[in-house]
C-alpha atoms as a PDB file:
ATOM      1  CA  UNK A   1      16.788  -7.111  -5.211  1.00  0.00           C
ATOM      2  CA  UNK A   2      16.054  -5.181  -2.224  1.00  0.00           C
ATOM      3  CA  UNK A   3      12.908  -2.769  -1.119  1.00  0.00           C
ATOM      4  CA  UNK A   4      12.538   0.607  -2.426  1.00  0.00           C
ATOM      5  CA  UNK A   5      10.353   3.230  -2.110  1.00  0.00           C
ATOM      6  CA  UNK A   6       8.941   7.259  -1.364  1.00  0.00           C
ATOM      7  CA  UNK A   7       6.192   8.729  -0.910  1.00  0.00           C
ATOM      8  CA  UNK A   8       4.720  12.088  -1.540  1.00  0.00           C
ATOM      9  CA  UNK A   9       1.581  14.534  -1.094  1.00  0.00           C
ATOM     10  CA  UNK A  10      -0.077  14.502  -4.382  1.00  0.00           C
ATOM     11  CA  UNK A  11      -4.284  14.604  -5.209  1.00  0.00           C
ATOM     12  CA  UNK A  12      -4.885  15.000  -1.244  1.00  0.00           C
ATOM     13  CA  UNK A  13      -3.438  12.225   0.051  1.00  0.00           C
ATOM     14  CA  UNK A  14      -0.243  10.675   1.049  1.00  0.00           C
ATOM     15  CA  UNK A  15       1.133   8.820  -2.052  1.00  0.00           C
ATOM     16  CA  UNK A  16       3.425   5.666  -1.425  1.00  0.00           C
ATOM     17  CA  UNK A  17       5.417   4.214  -4.367  1.00  0.00           C
ATOM     18  CA  UNK A  18       7.236   1.249  -4.112  1.00  0.00           C
ATOM     19  CA  UNK A  19       9.314  -1.604  -6.429  1.00  0.00           C
ATOM     20  CA  UNK A  20      11.904  -4.415  -5.365  1.00  0.00           C
ATOM     21  CA  UNK A  21      10.278  -7.355  -3.626  1.00  0.00           C
ATOM     22  CA  UNK A  22       8.294  -6.519  -0.760  1.00  0.00           C
ATOM     23  CA  UNK A  23       9.063  -9.542   1.604  1.00  0.00           C
ATOM     24  CA  UNK A  24      10.310 -11.214   5.069  1.00  0.00           C
ATOM     25  CA  UNK A  25      13.649  -9.450   4.615  1.00  0.00           C
ATOM     26  CA  UNK A  26      11.890  -5.946   3.738  1.00  0.00           C
ATOM     27  CA  UNK A  27       8.062  -5.830   5.770  1.00  0.00           C
ATOM     28  CA  UNK A  28       9.628  -4.037   8.638  1.00  0.00           C
ATOM     29  CA  UNK A  29      11.661  -1.306   6.354  1.00  0.00           C
ATOM     30  CA  UNK A  30       8.200  -0.348   4.778  1.00  0.00           C
ATOM     31  CA  UNK A  31       5.983  -0.754   7.179  1.00  0.00           C
ATOM     32  CA  UNK A  32       8.274   1.626   9.655  1.00  0.00           C
ATOM     33  CA  UNK A  33       8.341   4.350   6.588  1.00  0.00           C
ATOM     34  CA  UNK A  34       5.287   4.257   6.519  1.00  0.00           C
ATOM     35  CA  UNK A  35       4.307   4.883   9.910  1.00  0.00           C
ATOM     36  CA  UNK A  36       6.925   7.706  10.259  1.00  0.00           C
ATOM     37  CA  UNK A  37       5.555   9.979   6.646  1.00  0.00           C
ATOM     38  CA  UNK A  38       1.393   9.261   8.748  1.00  0.00           C
ATOM     39  CA  UNK A  39       3.096  10.587  11.826  1.00  0.00           C
ATOM     40  CA  UNK A  40       1.441  13.641  11.569  1.00  0.00           C
ATOM     41  CA  UNK A  41      -1.192  13.356   8.647  1.00  0.00           C
ATOM     42  CA  UNK A  42      -4.726  12.403   8.871  1.00  0.00           C
ATOM     43  CA  UNK A  43      -4.488  12.158   5.072  1.00  0.00           C
ATOM     44  CA  UNK A  44      -5.304   9.091   3.273  1.00  0.00           C
ATOM     45  CA  UNK A  45      -2.464   6.668   1.764  1.00  0.00           C
ATOM     46  CA  UNK A  46      -2.742   4.910  -1.120  1.00  0.00           C
ATOM     47  CA  UNK A  47       0.240   2.571  -2.068  1.00  0.00           C
ATOM     48  CA  UNK A  48       1.541   1.990  -5.209  1.00  0.00           C
ATOM     49  CA  UNK A  49       2.900  -1.409  -5.939  1.00  0.00           C
ATOM     50  CA  UNK A  50       2.709  -1.387  -9.361  1.00  0.00           C
ATOM     51  CA  UNK A  51       6.313  -1.537 -10.167  1.00  0.00           C
ATOM     52  CA  UNK A  52       7.316  -4.358  -7.111  1.00  0.00           C
ATOM     53  CA  UNK A  53       8.812  -7.199  -8.800  1.00  0.00           C
ATOM     54  CA  UNK A  54       7.514 -10.359  -5.748  1.00  0.00           C
ATOM     55  CA  UNK A  55       5.266 -10.006  -2.880  1.00  0.00           C
ATOM     56  CA  UNK A  56       4.849 -12.980   0.048  1.00  0.00           C
ATOM     57  CA  UNK A  57       3.167 -13.685   2.909  1.00  0.00           C
ATOM     58  CA  UNK A  58       5.208 -11.627   4.881  1.00  0.00           C
ATOM     59  CA  UNK A  59       4.205  -8.325   2.225  1.00  0.00           C
ATOM     60  CA  UNK A  60       0.816  -9.357   2.578  1.00  0.00           C
ATOM     61  CA  UNK A  61       1.053  -8.989   5.791  1.00  0.00           C
ATOM     62  CA  UNK A  62       2.623  -5.407   6.893  1.00  0.00           C
ATOM     63  CA  UNK A  63      -1.150  -4.667   4.637  1.00  0.00           C
ATOM     64  CA  UNK A  64      -3.392  -5.971   6.288  1.00  0.00           C
ATOM     65  CA  UNK A  65      -1.363  -3.885   9.125  1.00  0.00           C
ATOM     66  CA  UNK A  66      -1.274  -0.615   7.293  1.00  0.00           C
ATOM     67  CA  UNK A  67      -4.868  -1.300   6.136  1.00  0.00           C
ATOM     68  CA  UNK A  68      -6.593  -1.815   9.763  1.00  0.00           C
ATOM     69  CA  UNK A  69      -4.539   1.417  11.003  1.00  0.00           C
ATOM     70  CA  UNK A  70      -5.882   2.823   8.370  1.00  0.00           C
ATOM     71  CA  UNK A  71      -9.109   1.526   8.849  1.00  0.00           C
ATOM     72  CA  UNK A  72      -9.657   2.275  13.039  1.00  0.00           C
ATOM     73  CA  UNK A  73      -8.189   5.910  12.527  1.00  0.00           C
ATOM     74  CA  UNK A  74     -10.799   6.183  10.540  1.00  0.00           C
ATOM     75  CA  UNK A  75      -8.251   6.854   7.222  1.00  0.00           C
ATOM     76  CA  UNK A  76      -8.891   5.904   3.643  1.00  0.00           C
ATOM     77  CA  UNK A  77      -6.306   3.309   2.462  1.00  0.00           C
ATOM     78  CA  UNK A  78      -6.328   1.973  -0.981  1.00  0.00           C
ATOM     79  CA  UNK A  79      -3.977  -0.258  -3.308  1.00  0.00           C
ATOM     80  CA  UNK A  80      -2.557  -0.523  -6.395  1.00  0.00           C
ATOM     81  CA  UNK A  81      -0.213  -3.445  -7.965  1.00  0.00           C
ATOM     82  CA  UNK A  82       0.508  -4.752 -11.047  1.00  0.00           C
ATOM     83  CA  UNK A  83      -0.147  -8.635 -12.233  1.00  0.00           C
ATOM     84  CA  UNK A  84       1.744 -10.153  -9.891  1.00  0.00           C
ATOM     85  CA  UNK A  85       0.893  -8.760  -6.673  1.00  0.00           C
ATOM     86  CA  UNK A  86      -2.612  -8.658  -7.856  1.00  0.00           C
ATOM     87  CA  UNK A  87      -3.336 -11.857  -8.368  1.00  0.00           C
ATOM     88  CA  UNK A  88      -1.374 -12.488  -4.983  1.00  0.00           C
ATOM     89  CA  UNK A  89      -3.747 -10.244  -3.737  1.00  0.00           C
ATOM     90  CA  UNK A  90      -7.213 -12.373  -5.480  1.00  0.00           C
ATOM     91  CA  UNK A  91      -5.406 -15.895  -3.941  1.00  0.00           C
ATOM     92  CA  UNK A  92      -5.901 -14.975  -0.511  1.00  0.00           C
ATOM     93  CA  UNK A  93      -8.691 -13.152  -1.120  1.00  0.00           C
ATOM     94  CA  UNK A  94      -8.071  -9.536   0.043  1.00  0.00           C
ATOM     95  CA  UNK A  95      -8.876  -7.675  -2.710  1.00  0.00           C
ATOM     96  CA  UNK A  96     -11.925  -5.912  -0.644  1.00  0.00           C
ATOM     97  CA  UNK A  97     -10.569  -5.704   2.874  1.00  0.00           C
ATOM     98  CA  UNK A  98      -7.031  -3.588   0.695  1.00  0.00           C
ATOM     99  CA  UNK A  99      -8.724  -1.495  -1.346  1.00  0.00           C
ATOM    100  CA  UNK A 100      -8.051  -2.676  -4.228  1.00  0.00           C
ATOM    101  CA  UNK A 101      -7.611  -0.532  -6.937  1.00  0.00           C
ATOM    102  CA  UNK A 102      -6.559  -1.339 -10.567  1.00  0.00           C
ATOM    103  CA  UNK A 103      -5.009   1.339 -11.956  1.00  0.00           C
ATOM    104  CA  UNK A 104      -3.461   4.966  -9.582  1.00  0.00           C
ATOM    105  CA  UNK A 105      -5.534   6.649 -11.480  1.00  0.00           C
ATOM    106  CA  UNK A 106      -8.892   4.925 -10.036  1.00  0.00           C
ATOM    107  CA  UNK A 107      -7.257   4.759  -6.730  1.00  0.00           C
ATOM    108  CA  UNK A 108      -6.409   8.615  -6.634  1.00  0.00           C
ATOM    109  CA  UNK A 109     -10.309   9.801  -7.987  1.00  0.00           C
ATOM    110  CA  UNK A 110     -11.766   7.118  -5.143  1.00  0.00           C
ATOM    111  CA  UNK A 111     -10.105   9.129  -1.987  1.00  0.00           C
ATOM    112  CA  UNK A 112     -13.282  10.554  -0.393  1.00  0.00           C
ATOM    113  CA  UNK A 113     -12.767  14.019   0.191  1.00  0.00           C
END
């Protein structure tokens, strides 16, 4: 299964939602898509991975890369995941760095204006 996703502007942020697998086969497209959407925007980003079926170390790596880019640009980065994604992120102790939120509503409410 491949990775599919989209973006929209919502609640003062760029919201990205994805389904499928975030892995070594899809990480480059994932990063390119988000980078392209962010190119002309300084809005915070929220990445919703609650419908992701699978994430591997390559997927985690690209999330770290995006979080670092946002940090360097002084832009807020928040992430939401399902139980599988949350377990993987916590296993490598990245929940704080990736600003992992329990659900989309909480993530949107956590955005600073």
